[in-house]
Amino acid sequence: MKLLFKCILLLSVFSCSAQEPGIVNSNNREIVFKSVNVIPMDEERVLPDQVVVVKNGKIVAMGDADKI
């Protein structure tokens, strides 16, 4: 039982360290969310099927897919 626990612990440590080099800093990337429902804060409504573009942690564009 102890051997099994040590093997599982060892495998989990190696799997976590193997993924670390693949981590990407999202601050330098443009992330696009497609087909999302947006709820504006100015009134109670839902904007369906929108595209939201985020860059450097801020929304830089939002609208219909054919306009973005």
N, C-alpha and C. Protein backbone atom coordinates (compact mmCIF):
# COMPACT_ATOMS: atom_id res chain seq x y z
N MET A 1 0.82 -1.20 0.00
CA MET A 1 0.00 0.00 0.00
C MET A 1 0.87 1.26 0.00
N LYS A 2 1.94 1.25 0.81
CA LYS A 2 2.84 2.41 0.84
C LYS A 2 3.53 2.57 -0.51
N LEU A 3 3.89 1.45 -1.13
CA LEU A 3 4.55 1.51 -2.43
C LEU A 3 3.61 2.10 -3.47
N LEU A 4 2.35 1.71 -3.45
CA LEU A 4 1.37 2.24 -4.37
C LEU A 4 1.21 3.75 -4.18
N PHE A 5 1.13 4.19 -2.94
CA PHE A 5 1.00 5.61 -2.64
C PHE A 5 2.22 6.38 -3.13
N LYS A 6 3.41 5.85 -2.92
CA LYS A 6 4.63 6.51 -3.39
C LYS A 6 4.67 6.59 -4.91
N CYS A 7 4.22 5.55 -5.59
CA CYS A 7 4.20 5.56 -7.05
C CYS A 7 3.22 6.61 -7.58
N ILE A 8 2.05 6.69 -6.97
CA ILE A 8 1.06 7.69 -7.40
C ILE A 8 1.58 9.09 -7.14
N LEU A 9 2.19 9.30 -5.99
CA LEU A 9 2.75 10.61 -5.66
C LEU A 9 3.85 10.97 -6.64
N LEU A 10 4.72 10.05 -6.96
CA LEU A 10 5.82 10.29 -7.89
C LEU A 10 5.29 10.61 -9.29
N LEU A 11 4.28 9.88 -9.74
CA LEU A 11 3.70 10.14 -11.06
C LEU A 11 3.02 11.52 -11.11
N SER A 12 2.35 11.90 -10.04
CA SER A 12 1.69 13.20 -10.05
C SER A 12 2.70 14.34 -10.05
N VAL A 13 3.82 14.17 -9.36
CA VAL A 13 4.87 15.20 -9.37
C VAL A 13 5.46 15.34 -10.76
N PHE A 14 5.74 14.21 -11.42
CA PHE A 14 6.31 14.27 -12.76
C PHE A 14 5.32 14.84 -13.77
N SER A 15 4.05 14.52 -13.64
CA SER A 15 3.07 15.04 -14.60
C SER A 15 2.89 16.54 -14.43
N CYS A 16 2.97 17.04 -13.20
CA CYS A 16 2.86 18.49 -12.98
C CYS A 16 4.08 19.22 -13.52
N SER A 17 5.24 18.68 -13.32
CA SER A 17 6.45 19.34 -13.80
C SER A 17 6.57 19.24 -15.32
N ALA A 18 5.98 18.24 -15.92
CA ALA A 18 6.05 18.10 -17.37
C ALA A 18 5.18 19.14 -18.07
N GLN A 19 4.13 19.60 -17.42
CA GLN A 19 3.24 20.57 -18.03
C GLN A 19 3.73 22.00 -17.87
N GLU A 20 4.59 22.26 -16.95
CA GLU A 20 5.00 23.63 -16.65
C GLU A 20 5.63 24.38 -17.82
N PRO A 21 6.51 23.79 -18.62
CA PRO A 21 7.08 24.55 -19.73
C PRO A 21 6.04 24.98 -20.76
N GLY A 22 4.90 24.33 -20.81
CA GLY A 22 3.88 24.68 -21.78
C GLY A 22 2.97 25.81 -21.35
N ILE A 23 3.18 26.34 -20.15
CA ILE A 23 2.33 27.43 -19.66
C ILE A 23 2.61 28.69 -20.48
N VAL A 24 1.54 29.32 -20.94
CA VAL A 24 1.66 30.52 -21.77
C VAL A 24 1.11 31.70 -21.00
N ASN A 25 1.83 32.79 -21.03
CA ASN A 25 1.37 34.02 -20.39
C ASN A 25 0.27 34.63 -21.25
N SER A 26 -0.95 34.63 -20.74
CA SER A 26 -2.09 35.10 -21.53
C SER A 26 -2.12 36.62 -21.66
N ASN A 27 -1.28 37.34 -20.94
CA ASN A 27 -1.24 38.80 -21.06
C ASN A 27 -0.74 39.23 -22.44
N ASN A 28 0.03 38.40 -23.10
CA ASN A 28 0.59 38.75 -24.40
C ASN A 28 -0.23 38.18 -25.56
N ARG A 29 -1.38 37.59 -25.24
CA ARG A 29 -2.18 36.95 -26.27
C ARG A 29 -3.52 37.62 -26.42
N GLU A 30 -4.08 37.47 -27.57
CA GLU A 30 -5.43 37.93 -27.82
C GLU A 30 -6.35 36.71 -27.71
N ILE A 31 -7.33 36.78 -26.82
CA ILE A 31 -8.23 35.66 -26.60
C ILE A 31 -9.60 36.05 -27.14
N VAL A 32 -10.18 35.17 -27.95
CA VAL A 32 -11.47 35.44 -28.58
C VAL A 32 -12.49 34.44 -28.05
N PHE A 33 -13.57 34.96 -27.49
CA PHE A 33 -14.69 34.15 -27.04
C PHE A 33 -15.80 34.29 -28.08
N LYS A 34 -16.20 33.16 -28.67
CA LYS A 34 -17.21 33.19 -29.73
C LYS A 34 -18.53 32.60 -29.21
N SER A 35 -19.62 33.12 -29.77
CA SER A 35 -20.97 32.61 -29.47
C SER A 35 -21.28 32.67 -27.98
N VAL A 36 -21.05 33.82 -27.36
CA VAL A 36 -21.34 33.99 -25.94
C VAL A 36 -22.50 34.95 -25.77
N ASN A 37 -23.19 34.83 -24.66
CA ASN A 37 -24.25 35.76 -24.30
C ASN A 37 -23.65 36.81 -23.38
N VAL A 38 -23.82 38.07 -23.73
CA VAL A 38 -23.26 39.18 -22.95
C VAL A 38 -24.40 39.87 -22.22
N ILE A 39 -24.19 40.15 -20.94
CA ILE A 39 -25.17 40.87 -20.13
C ILE A 39 -24.58 42.23 -19.81
N PRO A 40 -25.03 43.29 -20.49
CA PRO A 40 -24.50 44.63 -20.22
C PRO A 40 -24.95 45.12 -18.84
N MET A 41 -24.17 46.02 -18.28
CA MET A 41 -24.48 46.53 -16.95
C MET A 41 -25.33 47.80 -16.98
N ASP A 42 -25.69 48.29 -18.16
CA ASP A 42 -26.48 49.53 -18.24
C ASP A 42 -27.99 49.28 -18.13
N GLU A 43 -28.47 48.10 -18.50
CA GLU A 43 -29.88 47.75 -18.37
C GLU A 43 -30.03 46.24 -18.38
N GLU A 44 -31.21 45.77 -18.00
CA GLU A 44 -31.45 44.33 -17.92
C GLU A 44 -31.79 43.79 -19.30
N ARG A 45 -30.80 43.20 -19.94
CA ARG A 45 -30.99 42.59 -21.26
C ARG A 45 -29.86 41.62 -21.52
N VAL A 46 -30.03 40.79 -22.53
CA VAL A 46 -29.01 39.82 -22.92
C VAL A 46 -28.72 40.03 -24.40
N LEU A 47 -27.43 40.13 -24.73
CA LEU A 47 -27.01 40.22 -26.13
C LEU A 47 -26.56 38.82 -26.55
N PRO A 48 -27.37 38.10 -27.30
CA PRO A 48 -27.04 36.71 -27.64
C PRO A 48 -26.02 36.60 -28.77
N ASP A 49 -25.28 35.50 -28.75
CA ASP A 49 -24.38 35.10 -29.83
C ASP A 49 -23.38 36.20 -30.20
N GLN A 50 -22.65 36.68 -29.22
CA GLN A 50 -21.67 37.75 -29.43
C GLN A 50 -20.25 37.19 -29.50
N VAL A 51 -19.34 38.01 -30.00
CA VAL A 51 -17.91 37.71 -30.00
C VAL A 51 -17.25 38.74 -29.09
N VAL A 52 -16.42 38.26 -28.15
CA VAL A 52 -15.72 39.14 -27.22
C VAL A 52 -14.22 38.90 -27.38
N VAL A 53 -13.46 39.98 -27.61
CA VAL A 53 -12.02 39.89 -27.79
C VAL A 53 -11.34 40.51 -26.57
N VAL A 54 -10.45 39.74 -25.93
CA VAL A 54 -9.73 40.20 -24.74
C VAL A 54 -8.24 40.23 -25.05
N LYS A 55 -7.60 41.35 -24.73
CA LYS A 55 -6.15 41.48 -24.92
C LYS A 55 -5.57 42.20 -23.71
N ASN A 56 -4.50 41.67 -23.19
CA ASN A 56 -3.85 42.20 -21.99
C ASN A 56 -4.82 42.32 -20.83
N GLY A 57 -5.74 41.37 -20.71
CA GLY A 57 -6.67 41.33 -19.60
C GLY A 57 -7.83 42.30 -19.70
N LYS A 58 -8.00 42.96 -20.83
CA LYS A 58 -9.08 43.92 -21.02
C LYS A 58 -9.87 43.61 -22.28
N ILE A 59 -11.17 43.86 -22.23
CA ILE A 59 -12.01 43.67 -23.41
C ILE A 59 -11.68 44.78 -24.40
N VAL A 60 -11.24 44.40 -25.60
CA VAL A 60 -10.88 45.39 -26.61
C VAL A 60 -11.90 45.48 -27.74
N ALA A 61 -12.75 44.46 -27.88
CA ALA A 61 -13.78 44.48 -28.90
C ALA A 61 -14.91 43.54 -28.51
N MET A 62 -16.13 43.90 -28.94
CA MET A 62 -17.28 43.06 -28.68
C MET A 62 -18.35 43.39 -29.71
N GLY A 63 -19.03 42.37 -30.18
CA GLY A 63 -20.11 42.63 -31.13
C GLY A 63 -20.52 41.36 -31.86
N ASP A 64 -21.32 41.56 -32.90
CA ASP A 64 -21.74 40.44 -33.74
C ASP A 64 -20.54 39.87 -34.49
N ALA A 65 -20.62 38.60 -34.80
CA ALA A 65 -19.50 37.92 -35.46
C ALA A 65 -19.14 38.54 -36.81
N ASP A 66 -20.11 39.04 -37.54
CA ASP A 66 -19.82 39.62 -38.85
C ASP A 66 -19.22 41.03 -38.76
N LYS A 67 -19.25 41.65 -37.58
CA LYS A 67 -18.71 42.99 -37.42
C LYS A 67 -17.35 43.02 -36.73
N ILE A 68 -16.94 41.92 -36.15
CA ILE A 68 -15.66 41.88 -35.43
C ILE A 68 -14.59 41.27 -36.32
